[in-house]
Every structure is written in structure tokens, then in C-alpha cells.
Amino acid sequence: MSTLQATASHPSRRVQRSQWSLMAFRLFAALVAAFFIIVIELWRKILIPWISYAEVDTVDYGWDRHAELFLIPDTAAALFQIAFGITALLLLFRPLGRSALVSWMAAGMLMISWAGIFTAYFAGTNLVEGALQAVALSAALSLPLVVLHPQRKAIIRGGAPGRGPGPGKLLRYEVAAIGFAGAGVAVGSTLWRISGGVFENPREDSVLSLVMFGLVLALGALLCWQGREGWKSLAYILNGMVAFALIAMLTIAVS
């Protein structure tokens, strides 16, 4: 009799742990959304191509800044980060069935965490401190998205396979185009920086914004192309990012 009771209580404990895990994940998603959208005011920074850049003289970077040169990388940085904030909001209300979104966002957080090492390299500061900071940020930003979610194994693999039909032929072509464009931006920006290209100073790290923007698009497109769980929501986000980027680039070009 006691064996039957223990067997019956085992699924109950597992369900309870899953519920607590989802609650913790939702709380973390809310914190991420609040951080990106409200705390660092990405809702305003994303409008950089159309509004004055008031922060230009508030930070001493060690060289004279020219706001107009930073329109492209700053817009790119704000765009992919606010996309993470929007993704966090979606996951707050529906964390299950969107493992590809969680995987995409966790990978993006990992990029943000480790970008500090390249910043330290460009600036000529301590790389050890940069590496320690990267580890700490990874544990604070990326790891909770995986550990707190009940589908953690699927998230590590890039998301569970989608239950319904994957993207149609036309949409597969579109996400493939987005993916190749994103990879092109990442590779092109890297080669440009290696060849000596800078916006203002060799110690700046603005090119990292373009590299991460491209990688975020490429990874998201790959997950959509594979039809991973939650690919439809991810496809909407990617298309929104591309549309906004094109409008912003056109504005910058004619201004």
C-alpha cells in the first residue's frame, strides 16, 4: 500500500516542481522585460534615427564623440535588445510551447555577456576582469532562462521540434534571406574592423553592436527555418526587426 502511495505522489511532486519553476521563470522574464524596456529606456533609444541624441556628452569615453557616426551601431544595439524585451514579455504570458524563443533569447544574452571581453580588448583594459564579468553576466542573464524553464533540455538544443507544420516554402525562403543577411552583417562588420575600420576611435567597441545584431538575426532565422517550437512568434519578431532596420537605415541615409 505504501508503495502505491509513493508511486502516486511522485508525479504530483513533479507537477508541483514544474509549477514553481514556471513561476520563477515568469518572474525572471518580467525582470528582463522591465530592464530592457524601462530601466535602460530602450523604448526611447530605438528612436535614435528620429530624435536628438541627448546622451552624447554625459559619458567621457576618452575621445571626442560625434553622435551622427553612432546612429547605425546604436540603433542596431537598441533594436535587438528591445526585441529581447518584447520576447521576455511574450514568455511572461506564455512560457510553454515557445522553447525556440527561449533558446534564441538565452543565446542573445550570452552574446551580450561575453561582448565585454572584446570591449576590454579594444580599450586595452584587463582581459581577466572582462572574462570574470562575462562569466558573472552569463550566470545572471542567460543561465536562468535555461535552468528555470521546464523544457531546459530542449532549450539547450535550440528548442523542441514544432508540433504543427513548419514554415511554408515562401516563408522558408524569406527566413533564409534574413539569415544570410544577418550572417553577412556579422561577417562584414568583423572584416571591416579587422581591416582597421572604426567609427571614431580604435578603442571603441561599436562594431560589436552590428556583429551581435547580425548574429541574432542569423540564429533566429535558422530556428525558424528548422520549424522549432514557437517559430511563428520568432518569425514575427525577426520580420519586425528587419522592417524597422530598413526604415531606420533609410532615415539615416537621407538625413
Foldseek 3Di string as FASTA:
>chain_A
DVVVVVVVCVVVVVVVLQVVLLVVLLVLLQVLLCCLCPVVPLVVQLCPLPDPDVCLPVDCPPDHDDSLLLLQLSNLLSLVSNLLSVLSVVCSVPVPLALLSLLLSLVLQLLVLLLQLVLCVQQVHDSVVSVVSSVVSNVVGRVSSQVSHPPNVQSVVNAAAAPDDADDPVVLVVLVVQLVVLCCQLVVLVVCVVVPDDSGDSSDSSSSSSNSSSVSSNSLSVSRNRRHGNNVVSSVSSVVSVVSSVVSVVSSVVD
